[in-house]
Every structure is written in structure tokens, then in C-alpha cells.
Amino acid sequence: MHKKQWLVAGLVALNVGVVGSVWAQAQVKIEDPWVRGTVAQQKASGAFMRLTAPQDMRLVSASSPVAGVVEVHEMAMEKDVMRMRAVPSLDLAAGKTTELKPGGYHVMLMDLKQPLKAGESIPLTLVFEDAAKVRSSQTLQAPVRALGAAAMPAKPMDHGHHGGHGQHKP
């Protein structure tokens, strides 16, 4: 190879390395994703998970081929009434886990194209934006849980023998 070819090859490798490391740094950790199952004729459901961003970011949108409309939603109490509304984005603080759960923030799947059955898995794409307004997307497979299934606890409790009733190890 000539000097010029080595230089071009080196710059390409450097560029790929920089882009790859920026992409890797921008990845949000997505834990325990799941979607609530539906019954026939039901046209909406929710997706839930835990998100941990490596830097300050925002969840700005979501999509799935199983739904015509996918939005980030918030459920909150307003004057003793539980209200649900779409939010333009959800802030994710660097290193802090944000839980999307029933009764709180979640991803709403509306205009469903088919019932969501327990045991299936659906694709879900989340779009994040960093402080520089650079967007990145991550696609995941979210298992569908039965309609009446409760959310899994964030951390399983140790129910072993600890020397007394009602006491749990920290």
C-alpha cells in the first residue's frame, strides 16, 4: 500500500472507531421490558420497562408495527382523579433508573392491529435524544404478559431463612 492509501485506511478506521464509541456511549440500558396482553376488540395496551441512560437524555418517541399510534404517556392523580396524558418526552437523568410502570410513565400502544397474546413478543423501537439533540433509536423485543399479570418487582426479595419472621436481609 502507498502512504496515501494507509492514511485513508487509518482515517476510515479512526472514524468508524469514533462513531462506534459514540454510538456505544449513547445506548440506554433497557431492563425487563413487557407489554400487557389484550382481549379481543381491545385497541390499546401499555409497555413497561426500566431505562438507565449513560448521560442526560430524553425518551422522545416510540413505535411498533403492532400499533398504529405509539406515545409516551403519564398517569397521574389530579384532584382525586387518575388521568392519563401523552407527554412530548420523558427526561432520563444520567445513571439514574427511570421506571415505566402501570400507574406511572409508560409507552402507550394504540390502534392495535391484532390482540396481544401472553407468550408472544412484540418489537418496540424507542427513540432517545441527548443534550446535543442527537437522536438514536433502540429496538427491542418485549414479551407479552397475561392481561391480569402484575409488574415484576424491581429486585426480587430474598425469602430464605434469616433468623426470624418478617425480617428481610437488606
N, C-alpha and C. Protein backbone atom coordinates (compact mmCIF):
# COMPACT_ATOMS: atom_id res chain seq x y z
N MET A 1 0.84 -1.19 0.00
CA MET A 1 0.00 0.00 0.00
C MET A 1 0.87 1.24 0.00
N HIS A 2 0.39 2.26 -0.66
CA HIS A 2 1.09 3.54 -0.66
C HIS A 2 0.76 4.29 0.61
N LYS A 3 1.56 5.32 0.87
CA LYS A 3 1.35 6.15 2.07
C LYS A 3 -0.06 6.73 2.10
N LYS A 4 -0.54 7.19 0.95
CA LYS A 4 -1.86 7.81 0.89
C LYS A 4 -2.96 6.78 1.22
N GLN A 5 -2.82 5.56 0.71
CA GLN A 5 -3.81 4.51 0.99
C GLN A 5 -3.82 4.16 2.48
N TRP A 6 -2.62 4.11 3.10
CA TRP A 6 -2.54 3.84 4.54
C TRP A 6 -3.22 4.94 5.32
N LEU A 7 -2.99 6.17 4.89
CA LEU A 7 -3.59 7.32 5.58
C LEU A 7 -5.12 7.26 5.47
N VAL A 8 -5.63 6.98 4.28
CA VAL A 8 -7.09 6.89 4.09
C VAL A 8 -7.65 5.73 4.92
N ALA A 9 -6.99 4.58 4.87
CA ALA A 9 -7.46 3.43 5.64
C ALA A 9 -7.44 3.75 7.14
N GLY A 10 -6.40 4.43 7.59
CA GLY A 10 -6.30 4.81 9.01
C GLY A 10 -7.40 5.78 9.40
N LEU A 11 -7.69 6.77 8.56
CA LEU A 11 -8.75 7.73 8.86
C LEU A 11 -10.12 7.05 8.87
N VAL A 12 -10.35 6.14 7.95
CA VAL A 12 -11.62 5.41 7.94
C VAL A 12 -11.75 4.60 9.22
N ALA A 13 -10.71 3.90 9.62
CA ALA A 13 -10.75 3.10 10.85
C ALA A 13 -10.98 4.00 12.07
N LEU A 14 -10.30 5.15 12.10
CA LEU A 14 -10.47 6.08 13.20
C LEU A 14 -11.90 6.59 13.24
N ASN A 15 -12.45 6.95 12.09
CA ASN A 15 -13.82 7.45 12.02
C ASN A 15 -14.81 6.39 12.48
N VAL A 16 -14.64 5.16 12.02
CA VAL A 16 -15.52 4.07 12.44
C VAL A 16 -15.40 3.87 13.95
N GLY A 17 -14.19 3.93 14.48
CA GLY A 17 -13.98 3.76 15.92
C GLY A 17 -14.66 4.86 16.72
N VAL A 18 -14.55 6.11 16.26
CA VAL A 18 -15.18 7.22 16.97
C VAL A 18 -16.69 7.10 16.90
N VAL A 19 -17.23 6.84 15.72
CA VAL A 19 -18.68 6.70 15.57
C VAL A 19 -19.17 5.53 16.42
N GLY A 20 -18.43 4.41 16.38
CA GLY A 20 -18.81 3.25 17.17
C GLY A 20 -18.80 3.54 18.66
N SER A 21 -17.79 4.27 19.14
CA SER A 21 -17.74 4.55 20.58
C SER A 21 -18.81 5.55 20.98
N VAL A 22 -19.12 6.53 20.13
CA VAL A 22 -20.20 7.46 20.43
C VAL A 22 -21.52 6.70 20.48
N TRP A 23 -21.74 5.81 19.52
CA TRP A 23 -22.96 5.03 19.49
C TRP A 23 -23.07 4.17 20.75
N ALA A 24 -21.97 3.53 21.15
CA ALA A 24 -22.00 2.66 22.32
C ALA A 24 -22.29 3.47 23.58
N GLN A 25 -21.74 4.67 23.67
CA GLN A 25 -21.97 5.51 24.85
C GLN A 25 -23.42 5.97 24.92
N ALA A 26 -24.06 6.12 23.77
CA ALA A 26 -25.42 6.66 23.74
C ALA A 26 -26.48 5.60 24.06
N GLN A 27 -26.09 4.34 24.15
CA GLN A 27 -27.06 3.28 24.38
C GLN A 27 -27.67 3.38 25.77
N VAL A 28 -28.96 3.30 25.81
CA VAL A 28 -29.70 3.31 27.07
C VAL A 28 -29.88 1.86 27.50
N LYS A 29 -29.66 1.58 28.76
CA LYS A 29 -29.88 0.24 29.29
C LYS A 29 -31.38 0.04 29.47
N ILE A 30 -31.92 -0.99 28.84
CA ILE A 30 -33.35 -1.29 28.90
C ILE A 30 -33.50 -2.63 29.62
N GLU A 31 -34.20 -2.59 30.77
CA GLU A 31 -34.35 -3.80 31.57
C GLU A 31 -35.82 -4.20 31.71
N ASP A 32 -36.05 -5.49 31.72
CA ASP A 32 -37.36 -6.10 31.97
C ASP A 32 -38.51 -5.46 31.19
N PRO A 33 -38.36 -5.33 29.86
CA PRO A 33 -39.50 -4.80 29.10
C PRO A 33 -40.63 -5.82 29.04
N TRP A 34 -41.86 -5.33 29.05
CA TRP A 34 -43.02 -6.20 28.86
C TRP A 34 -44.20 -5.38 28.40
N VAL A 35 -45.15 -6.06 27.80
CA VAL A 35 -46.37 -5.43 27.30
C VAL A 35 -47.55 -6.18 27.90
N ARG A 36 -48.57 -5.44 28.29
CA ARG A 36 -49.78 -6.07 28.85
C ARG A 36 -50.60 -6.66 27.71
N GLY A 37 -51.01 -7.92 27.89
CA GLY A 37 -51.83 -8.60 26.90
C GLY A 37 -53.21 -7.96 26.79
N THR A 38 -53.91 -8.29 25.73
CA THR A 38 -55.23 -7.70 25.48
C THR A 38 -56.27 -8.80 25.25
N VAL A 39 -57.51 -8.38 25.23
CA VAL A 39 -58.60 -9.27 24.87
C VAL A 39 -59.08 -8.86 23.48
N ALA A 40 -59.89 -9.72 22.84
CA ALA A 40 -60.41 -9.42 21.51
C ALA A 40 -61.09 -8.05 21.51
N GLN A 41 -60.93 -7.32 20.48
CA GLN A 41 -61.51 -5.99 20.26
C GLN A 41 -60.85 -4.87 21.07
N GLN A 42 -59.94 -5.20 21.98
CA GLN A 42 -59.24 -4.16 22.74
C GLN A 42 -58.24 -3.49 21.80
N LYS A 43 -58.23 -2.18 21.75
CA LYS A 43 -57.41 -1.45 20.79
C LYS A 43 -56.22 -0.72 21.40
N ALA A 44 -55.97 -0.92 22.71
CA ALA A 44 -54.84 -0.22 23.34
C ALA A 44 -54.24 -1.08 24.44
N SER A 45 -52.96 -0.87 24.69
CA SER A 45 -52.26 -1.54 25.78
C SER A 45 -51.05 -0.69 26.15
N GLY A 46 -50.35 -1.13 27.19
CA GLY A 46 -49.18 -0.39 27.64
C GLY A 46 -47.94 -1.26 27.62
N ALA A 47 -46.79 -0.60 27.44
CA ALA A 47 -45.48 -1.26 27.51
C ALA A 47 -44.73 -0.65 28.69
N PHE A 48 -44.02 -1.49 29.41
CA PHE A 48 -43.37 -1.09 30.65
C PHE A 48 -41.94 -1.62 30.67
N MET A 49 -41.05 -0.93 31.40
CA MET A 49 -39.64 -1.33 31.46
C MET A 49 -38.90 -0.38 32.39
N ARG A 50 -37.62 -0.66 32.59
CA ARG A 50 -36.75 0.26 33.33
C ARG A 50 -35.68 0.76 32.36
N LEU A 51 -35.44 2.07 32.37
CA LEU A 51 -34.46 2.70 31.48
C LEU A 51 -33.38 3.38 32.30
N THR A 52 -32.11 3.15 31.93
CA THR A 52 -30.99 3.82 32.58
C THR A 52 -30.11 4.39 31.48
N ALA A 53 -30.02 5.71 31.41
CA ALA A 53 -29.23 6.38 30.38
C ALA A 53 -27.81 6.64 30.90
N PRO A 54 -26.81 6.51 30.04
CA PRO A 54 -25.43 6.76 30.45
C PRO A 54 -25.12 8.26 30.59
N GLN A 55 -25.97 9.09 30.02
CA GLN A 55 -25.83 10.54 30.08
C GLN A 55 -27.24 11.12 30.10
N ASP A 56 -27.39 12.40 30.42
CA ASP A 56 -28.72 13.01 30.40
C ASP A 56 -29.30 12.87 29.00
N MET A 57 -30.48 12.28 28.93
CA MET A 57 -31.15 12.05 27.65
C MET A 57 -32.64 12.19 27.86
N ARG A 58 -33.39 12.08 26.76
CA ARG A 58 -34.85 12.09 26.83
C ARG A 58 -35.38 10.98 25.92
N LEU A 59 -36.44 10.33 26.38
CA LEU A 59 -37.18 9.41 25.53
C LEU A 59 -38.16 10.30 24.78
N VAL A 60 -38.02 10.39 23.46
CA VAL A 60 -38.83 11.35 22.70
C VAL A 60 -39.93 10.70 21.86
N SER A 61 -39.80 9.42 21.56
CA SER A 61 -40.88 8.75 20.83
C SER A 61 -40.66 7.24 20.85
N ALA A 62 -41.67 6.54 20.37
CA ALA A 62 -41.61 5.09 20.28
C ALA A 62 -42.48 4.65 19.11
N SER A 63 -42.24 3.44 18.62
CA SER A 63 -43.06 2.90 17.53
C SER A 63 -43.05 1.38 17.62
N SER A 64 -44.06 0.78 17.01
CA SER A 64 -44.15 -0.68 16.93
C SER A 64 -45.05 -1.03 15.75
N PRO A 65 -44.69 -2.07 15.01
CA PRO A 65 -45.54 -2.46 13.88
C PRO A 65 -46.89 -3.02 14.30
N VAL A 66 -47.09 -3.33 15.59
CA VAL A 66 -48.38 -3.88 16.03
C VAL A 66 -49.40 -2.79 16.36
N ALA A 67 -48.96 -1.52 16.36
CA ALA A 67 -49.86 -0.42 16.72
C ALA A 67 -49.79 0.70 15.70
N GLY A 68 -50.93 1.33 15.46
CA GLY A 68 -50.99 2.47 14.56
C GLY A 68 -50.41 3.73 15.19
N VAL A 69 -50.56 3.85 16.51
CA VAL A 69 -50.07 5.02 17.25
C VAL A 69 -49.35 4.53 18.50
N VAL A 70 -48.16 5.07 18.74
CA VAL A 70 -47.40 4.75 19.96
C VAL A 70 -46.93 6.06 20.56
N GLU A 71 -47.25 6.27 21.85
CA GLU A 71 -46.90 7.52 22.52
C GLU A 71 -46.34 7.24 23.91
N VAL A 72 -45.54 8.18 24.39
CA VAL A 72 -45.08 8.14 25.77
C VAL A 72 -46.18 8.81 26.60
N HIS A 73 -46.65 8.13 27.64
CA HIS A 73 -47.76 8.61 28.46
C HIS A 73 -47.37 8.71 29.92
N GLU A 74 -48.15 9.52 30.63
CA GLU A 74 -48.02 9.65 32.08
C GLU A 74 -49.39 9.46 32.69
N MET A 75 -49.45 8.68 33.76
CA MET A 75 -50.67 8.60 34.57
C MET A 75 -50.37 9.32 35.86
N ALA A 76 -51.27 10.20 36.27
CA ALA A 76 -51.05 10.97 37.49
C ALA A 76 -52.40 11.32 38.12
N MET A 77 -52.37 11.50 39.42
CA MET A 77 -53.59 11.90 40.13
C MET A 77 -53.76 13.42 40.00
N GLU A 78 -54.96 13.84 39.61
CA GLU A 78 -55.32 15.25 39.54
C GLU A 78 -56.65 15.41 40.24
N LYS A 79 -56.64 16.04 41.40
CA LYS A 79 -57.87 16.26 42.18
C LYS A 79 -58.63 14.95 42.39
N ASP A 80 -57.95 13.95 42.91
CA ASP A 80 -58.53 12.64 43.22
C ASP A 80 -59.02 11.86 42.00
N VAL A 81 -58.58 12.23 40.80
CA VAL A 81 -58.95 11.51 39.59
C VAL A 81 -57.65 11.11 38.87
N MET A 82 -57.57 9.82 38.52
CA MET A 82 -56.40 9.34 37.78
C MET A 82 -56.56 9.75 36.32
N ARG A 83 -55.61 10.50 35.82
CA ARG A 83 -55.64 10.97 34.43
C ARG A 83 -54.42 10.45 33.67
N MET A 84 -54.65 10.14 32.40
CA MET A 84 -53.57 9.71 31.53
C MET A 84 -53.44 10.71 30.40
N ARG A 85 -52.18 11.06 30.10
CA ARG A 85 -51.97 12.01 29.00
C ARG A 85 -50.65 11.71 28.31
N ALA A 86 -50.58 12.05 27.04
CA ALA A 86 -49.33 11.93 26.29
C ALA A 86 -48.39 13.03 26.75
N VAL A 87 -47.10 12.71 26.79
CA VAL A 87 -46.08 13.71 27.12
C VAL A 87 -45.14 13.80 25.91
N PRO A 88 -44.62 15.01 25.64
CA PRO A 88 -43.76 15.16 24.46
C PRO A 88 -42.43 14.41 24.61
N SER A 89 -41.97 14.22 25.85
CA SER A 89 -40.73 13.49 26.09
C SER A 89 -40.65 13.14 27.57
N LEU A 90 -39.73 12.24 27.89
CA LEU A 90 -39.51 11.84 29.27
C LEU A 90 -38.02 11.98 29.55
N ASP A 91 -37.68 12.84 30.51
CA ASP A 91 -36.28 13.07 30.87
C ASP A 91 -35.70 11.85 31.56
N LEU A 92 -34.47 11.48 31.16
CA LEU A 92 -33.73 10.38 31.77
C LEU A 92 -32.43 10.96 32.31
N ALA A 93 -32.28 11.01 33.62
CA ALA A 93 -31.06 11.55 34.24
C ALA A 93 -29.93 10.53 34.12
N ALA A 94 -28.73 11.01 33.87
CA ALA A 94 -27.56 10.15 33.70
C ALA A 94 -27.39 9.21 34.89
N GLY A 95 -27.31 7.92 34.60
CA GLY A 95 -27.04 6.93 35.62
C GLY A 95 -28.20 6.60 36.55
N LYS A 96 -29.32 7.28 36.41
CA LYS A 96 -30.46 7.05 37.29
C LYS A 96 -31.50 6.23 36.52
N THR A 97 -32.03 5.18 37.17
CA THR A 97 -33.02 4.33 36.52
C THR A 97 -34.40 4.98 36.59
N THR A 98 -35.06 5.06 35.45
CA THR A 98 -36.42 5.57 35.35
C THR A 98 -37.32 4.39 35.05
N GLU A 99 -38.32 4.19 35.89
CA GLU A 99 -39.21 3.04 35.70
C GLU A 99 -40.47 3.45 34.97
N LEU A 100 -40.75 2.75 33.89
CA LEU A 100 -42.02 2.90 33.18
C LEU A 100 -42.88 1.76 33.69
N LYS A 101 -43.97 2.09 34.39
CA LYS A 101 -44.76 1.08 35.08
C LYS A 101 -46.24 1.43 35.05
N PRO A 102 -47.08 0.43 35.30
CA PRO A 102 -48.53 0.71 35.37
C PRO A 102 -48.77 1.78 36.45
N GLY A 103 -49.62 2.75 36.14
CA GLY A 103 -49.93 3.81 37.09
C GLY A 103 -48.94 4.97 37.06
N GLY A 104 -47.96 4.92 36.18
CA GLY A 104 -46.96 5.98 36.08
C GLY A 104 -46.65 6.25 34.62
N TYR A 105 -45.39 6.57 34.34
CA TYR A 105 -44.98 6.73 32.94
C TYR A 105 -45.00 5.36 32.27
N HIS A 106 -45.38 5.34 30.99
CA HIS A 106 -45.39 4.11 30.22
C HIS A 106 -45.44 4.44 28.74
N VAL A 107 -45.27 3.44 27.91
CA VAL A 107 -45.41 3.60 26.46
C VAL A 107 -46.79 3.05 26.12
N MET A 108 -47.61 3.89 25.51
CA MET A 108 -48.98 3.51 25.16
C MET A 108 -49.03 3.06 23.71
N LEU A 109 -49.56 1.85 23.50
CA LEU A 109 -49.75 1.29 22.15
C LEU A 109 -51.23 1.39 21.83
N MET A 110 -51.58 2.19 20.82
CA MET A 110 -52.98 2.41 20.47
C MET A 110 -53.23 2.01 19.03
N ASP A 111 -54.51 1.85 18.69
CA ASP A 111 -54.91 1.40 17.37
C ASP A 111 -54.20 0.08 17.03
N LEU A 112 -54.30 -0.86 18.00
CA LEU A 112 -53.65 -2.16 17.82
C LEU A 112 -54.18 -2.87 16.59
N LYS A 113 -53.28 -3.52 15.87
CA LYS A 113 -53.65 -4.20 14.63
C LYS A 113 -54.11 -5.63 14.88
N GLN A 114 -53.84 -6.16 16.08
CA GLN A 114 -54.27 -7.50 16.46
C GLN A 114 -54.21 -7.61 17.97
N PRO A 115 -54.90 -8.60 18.55
CA PRO A 115 -54.80 -8.80 20.00
C PRO A 115 -53.37 -9.19 20.37
N LEU A 116 -52.93 -8.81 21.55
CA LEU A 116 -51.61 -9.15 22.05
C LEU A 116 -51.78 -10.30 23.04
N LYS A 117 -51.23 -11.46 22.68
CA LYS A 117 -51.44 -12.67 23.48
C LYS A 117 -50.23 -12.97 24.34
N ALA A 118 -50.50 -13.41 25.59
CA ALA A 118 -49.44 -13.80 26.51
C ALA A 118 -48.54 -14.84 25.85
N GLY A 119 -47.25 -14.68 26.04
CA GLY A 119 -46.29 -15.60 25.46
C GLY A 119 -45.69 -15.10 24.15
N GLU A 120 -46.38 -14.17 23.50
CA GLU A 120 -45.84 -13.58 22.27
C GLU A 120 -44.78 -12.55 22.66
N SER A 121 -44.09 -12.06 21.67
CA SER A 121 -43.12 -10.99 21.87
C SER A 121 -43.33 -9.98 20.75
N ILE A 122 -43.31 -8.70 21.09
CA ILE A 122 -43.54 -7.69 20.06
C ILE A 122 -42.32 -6.77 19.93
N PRO A 123 -42.02 -6.33 18.72
CA PRO A 123 -40.93 -5.37 18.54
C PRO A 123 -41.38 -3.97 18.96
N LEU A 124 -40.47 -3.27 19.59
CA LEU A 124 -40.74 -1.92 20.06
C LEU A 124 -39.47 -1.11 19.83
N THR A 125 -39.59 0.02 19.16
CA THR A 125 -38.43 0.88 18.92
C THR A 125 -38.60 2.15 19.75
N LEU A 126 -37.57 2.45 20.54
CA LEU A 126 -37.55 3.66 21.36
C LEU A 126 -36.57 4.65 20.76
N VAL A 127 -36.95 5.92 20.73
CA VAL A 127 -36.07 6.97 20.19
C VAL A 127 -35.67 7.89 21.34
N PHE A 128 -34.36 8.04 21.49
CA PHE A 128 -33.79 8.87 22.55
C PHE A 128 -33.09 10.07 21.94
N GLU A 129 -33.00 11.15 22.72
CA GLU A 129 -32.32 12.35 22.27
C GLU A 129 -31.37 12.78 23.37
N ASP A 130 -30.12 13.11 23.01
CA ASP A 130 -29.16 13.55 24.02
C ASP A 130 -29.17 15.07 24.14
N ALA A 131 -28.32 15.61 24.98
CA ALA A 131 -28.29 17.06 25.23
C ALA A 131 -27.97 17.86 23.98
N ALA A 132 -27.25 17.27 23.03
CA ALA A 132 -26.90 17.95 21.78
C ALA A 132 -27.99 17.77 20.72
N LYS A 133 -29.14 17.21 21.12
CA LYS A 133 -30.29 16.97 20.24
C LYS A 133 -30.02 15.89 19.19
N VAL A 134 -29.01 15.04 19.45
CA VAL A 134 -28.72 13.93 18.55
C VAL A 134 -29.62 12.77 18.95
N ARG A 135 -30.34 12.24 17.97
CA ARG A 135 -31.28 11.16 18.25
C ARG A 135 -30.67 9.80 17.91
N SER A 136 -31.05 8.82 18.70
CA SER A 136 -30.64 7.44 18.45
C SER A 136 -31.84 6.56 18.77
N SER A 137 -31.93 5.42 18.09
CA SER A 137 -33.05 4.52 18.36
C SER A 137 -32.53 3.16 18.76
N GLN A 138 -33.33 2.48 19.57
CA GLN A 138 -33.02 1.13 20.01
C GLN A 138 -34.28 0.30 19.84
N THR A 139 -34.13 -0.85 19.20
CA THR A 139 -35.26 -1.75 19.01
C THR A 139 -35.09 -2.95 19.93
N LEU A 140 -36.18 -3.33 20.56
CA LEU A 140 -36.15 -4.45 21.50
C LEU A 140 -37.36 -5.34 21.25
N GLN A 141 -37.32 -6.53 21.80
CA GLN A 141 -38.45 -7.44 21.78
C GLN A 141 -39.04 -7.46 23.18
N ALA A 142 -40.30 -7.10 23.31
CA ALA A 142 -40.95 -7.05 24.62
C ALA A 142 -41.93 -8.21 24.73
N PRO A 143 -41.75 -9.09 25.71
CA PRO A 143 -42.70 -10.18 25.88
C PRO A 143 -44.06 -9.67 26.34
N VAL A 144 -45.10 -10.35 25.90
CA VAL A 144 -46.47 -10.00 26.28
C VAL A 144 -46.84 -10.84 27.50
N ARG A 145 -47.34 -10.18 28.54
CA ARG A 145 -47.79 -10.86 29.75
C ARG A 145 -49.32 -10.89 29.75
N ALA A 146 -49.86 -11.88 30.42
CA ALA A 146 -51.31 -12.03 30.51
C ALA A 146 -51.94 -10.75 31.04
N LEU A 147 -53.15 -10.47 30.60
CA LEU A 147 -53.87 -9.23 30.95
C LEU A 147 -53.85 -8.94 32.44
N GLY A 148 -54.07 -9.93 33.28
CA GLY A 148 -54.12 -9.70 34.73
C GLY A 148 -52.78 -9.75 35.42
N ALA A 149 -51.69 -9.95 34.69
CA ALA A 149 -50.37 -10.09 35.30
C ALA A 149 -49.91 -8.78 35.92
N ALA A 150 -49.34 -8.88 37.09
CA ALA A 150 -48.79 -7.69 37.77
C ALA A 150 -47.37 -7.48 37.31
N ALA A 151 -46.88 -6.29 37.52
CA ALA A 151 -45.49 -5.98 37.19
C ALA A 151 -44.57 -6.79 38.10
N MET A 152 -43.44 -7.19 37.55
CA MET A 152 -42.46 -7.91 38.36
C MET A 152 -41.79 -6.91 39.30
N PRO A 153 -41.41 -7.33 40.51
CA PRO A 153 -40.72 -6.41 41.40
C PRO A 153 -39.37 -6.01 40.79
N ALA A 154 -38.94 -4.79 41.09
CA ALA A 154 -37.68 -4.30 40.55
C ALA A 154 -36.52 -5.19 40.98
N LYS A 155 -36.53 -5.62 42.23
CA LYS A 155 -35.49 -6.51 42.73
C LYS A 155 -36.18 -7.62 43.52
N PRO A 156 -35.87 -8.87 43.20
CA PRO A 156 -36.51 -9.94 43.94
C PRO A 156 -36.11 -9.92 45.40
N MET A 157 -37.05 -10.27 46.25
CA MET A 157 -36.77 -10.31 47.68
C MET A 157 -36.18 -11.67 48.03
N ASP A 158 -35.30 -11.69 49.00
CA ASP A 158 -34.72 -12.93 49.50
C ASP A 158 -35.66 -13.48 50.56
N HIS A 159 -36.26 -14.63 50.25
CA HIS A 159 -37.21 -15.21 51.19
C HIS A 159 -36.62 -16.42 51.92
N GLY A 160 -35.30 -16.47 52.01
CA GLY A 160 -34.64 -17.56 52.72
C GLY A 160 -34.83 -17.40 54.22
N HIS A 161 -34.26 -18.32 54.98
CA HIS A 161 -34.37 -18.24 56.45
C HIS A 161 -33.32 -17.26 56.96
N HIS A 162 -33.76 -16.26 57.71
CA HIS A 162 -32.86 -15.22 58.19
C HIS A 162 -32.85 -15.12 59.71
N GLY A 163 -33.45 -16.03 60.38
CA GLY A 163 -33.40 -15.98 61.83
C GLY A 163 -34.59 -15.29 62.45
N GLY A 164 -35.69 -15.13 61.76
CA GLY A 164 -36.86 -14.52 62.38
C GLY A 164 -37.93 -14.27 61.35
N HIS A 165 -39.18 -14.24 61.82
CA HIS A 165 -40.31 -13.99 60.91
C HIS A 165 -40.39 -12.50 60.59
N GLY A 166 -40.69 -12.21 59.33
CA GLY A 166 -40.91 -10.82 58.93
C GLY A 166 -39.64 -10.02 58.77
N GLN A 167 -38.49 -10.64 58.91
CA GLN A 167 -37.24 -9.89 58.74
C GLN A 167 -36.66 -10.26 57.39
N HIS A 168 -36.14 -9.26 56.72
CA HIS A 168 -35.50 -9.48 55.43
C HIS A 168 -34.11 -8.90 55.47
N LYS A 169 -33.22 -9.57 54.77
CA LYS A 169 -31.85 -9.05 54.67
C LYS A 169 -31.89 -7.75 53.89
N PRO A 170 -31.06 -6.79 54.22
CA PRO A 170 -31.02 -5.54 53.46
C PRO A 170 -30.50 -5.76 52.06
